[in-house]
Protein backbone atom coordinates (compact mmCIF):
# COMPACT_ATOMS: atom_id res chain seq x y z
CA UNK A 1 10.99 -23.30 -1.66
CA UNK A 2 10.87 -23.87 2.08
CA UNK A 3 9.83 -21.23 4.55
CA UNK A 4 12.44 -19.90 6.96
CA UNK A 5 11.80 -18.65 10.46
CA UNK A 6 12.53 -14.94 10.72
CA UNK A 7 12.43 -12.49 13.61
CA UNK A 8 11.72 -8.80 13.05
CA UNK A 9 13.30 -5.93 14.99
CA UNK A 10 10.23 -5.94 17.29
CA UNK A 11 10.72 -9.59 18.19
CA UNK A 12 7.84 -11.04 16.14
CA UNK A 13 8.53 -14.48 14.72
CA UNK A 14 7.20 -15.31 11.25
CA UNK A 15 7.92 -17.66 8.37
CA UNK A 16 8.74 -16.54 4.82
CA UNK A 17 10.01 -18.36 1.76
CA UNK A 18 11.40 -15.17 0.20
CA UNK A 19 14.07 -12.71 1.27
CA UNK A 20 11.39 -10.08 1.93
CA UNK A 21 12.06 -8.68 5.42
CA UNK A 22 8.53 -7.35 5.96
CA UNK A 23 6.98 -8.68 9.15
CA UNK A 24 3.30 -9.53 8.68
CA UNK A 25 2.55 -8.85 12.35
CA UNK A 26 4.11 -5.37 12.23
CA UNK A 27 2.27 -4.67 8.96
CA UNK A 28 -1.05 -5.57 10.56
CA UNK A 29 -0.33 -3.23 13.47
CA UNK A 30 0.53 -0.39 11.05
CA UNK A 31 -2.58 -0.86 8.91
CA UNK A 32 -4.90 2.15 9.15
CA UNK A 33 -8.31 1.46 10.66
CA UNK A 34 -10.10 3.84 8.30
CA UNK A 35 -9.51 6.06 5.30
CA UNK A 36 -8.61 5.12 1.75
CA UNK A 37 -5.34 3.40 2.72
CA UNK A 38 -7.27 0.94 4.90
CA UNK A 39 -9.01 -0.48 1.82
CA UNK A 40 -5.74 -1.46 0.13
CA UNK A 41 -3.62 -4.58 0.43
CA UNK A 42 -0.31 -4.09 2.24
CA UNK A 43 1.97 -3.90 -0.85
CA UNK A 44 -0.20 -1.22 -2.46
CA UNK A 45 -0.47 0.72 0.80
CA UNK A 46 3.32 0.60 1.30
CA UNK A 47 3.85 1.75 -2.30
CA UNK A 48 1.81 4.88 -1.65
CA UNK A 49 3.30 5.51 1.79
CA UNK A 50 6.83 5.21 0.38
CA UNK A 51 5.94 7.99 -2.10
CA UNK A 52 4.50 10.13 0.71
CA UNK A 53 0.95 9.68 -0.58
CA UNK A 54 -1.03 9.56 2.63
CA UNK A 55 -3.90 11.86 1.67
CA UNK A 56 -6.31 11.88 -1.24
CA UNK A 57 -5.17 15.38 -2.11
CA UNK A 58 -1.62 14.08 -2.61
CA UNK A 59 -2.94 11.11 -4.58
CA UNK A 60 -4.73 13.51 -6.95
CA UNK A 61 -1.33 14.93 -7.93
CA UNK A 62 -0.50 11.66 -9.69
CA UNK A 63 -1.80 10.13 -12.89
CA UNK A 64 -3.19 6.61 -12.87
CA UNK A 65 -0.15 5.50 -14.93
CA UNK A 66 2.27 6.98 -12.40
CA UNK A 67 0.55 5.15 -9.54
CA UNK A 68 0.59 1.84 -11.43
CA UNK A 69 4.37 2.18 -11.90
CA UNK A 70 4.94 2.08 -8.14
CA UNK A 71 6.40 -1.18 -6.88
CA UNK A 72 3.63 -3.06 -5.07
CA UNK A 73 0.75 -1.31 -6.78
CA UNK A 74 -1.59 -3.49 -8.82
CA UNK A 75 -4.46 -2.84 -11.20
CA UNK A 76 -6.99 -4.12 -8.65
CA UNK A 77 -6.22 -1.14 -6.37
CA UNK A 78 -7.06 1.49 -8.97
CA UNK A 79 -10.89 1.19 -8.73
CA UNK A 80 -10.67 1.56 -4.93
CA UNK A 81 -8.50 4.64 -5.32
CA UNK A 82 -10.78 6.14 -7.97
CA UNK A 83 -13.82 5.63 -5.73
CA UNK A 84 -12.07 7.26 -2.77
CA UNK A 85 -11.01 10.22 -4.93
CA UNK A 86 -14.52 10.58 -6.38
CA UNK A 87 -16.08 10.69 -2.89
CA UNK A 88 -13.94 13.77 -2.17
CA UNK A 89 -14.63 15.38 -5.55
CA UNK A 90 -11.11 14.59 -6.75
CA UNK A 91 -9.60 12.54 -9.56
CA UNK A 92 -6.24 11.35 -10.86
CA UNK A 93 -4.40 14.04 -12.79
CA UNK A 94 -4.47 13.74 -16.58
CA UNK A 95 -1.18 13.32 -18.33
């Protein structure tokens, strides 16, 4: 599949082989500099943000299974999330 030149609403030019409209330059600008969301890859971070999970307290309202069901969330993100929760004395809710 060949990559196509795309232009985002902010004028950034980028190449993608899929129909995904996400601009990598805009994503990099939106990436948090610190906090638990900063440790995640963009798809996992977007998955949480789309659910309104922007704090560890909100994350603790979900079970591990519920988080894994989110589009963009992978198993490799779970240990990072568990560590962040543990540092704050929190944990995923039990089903």
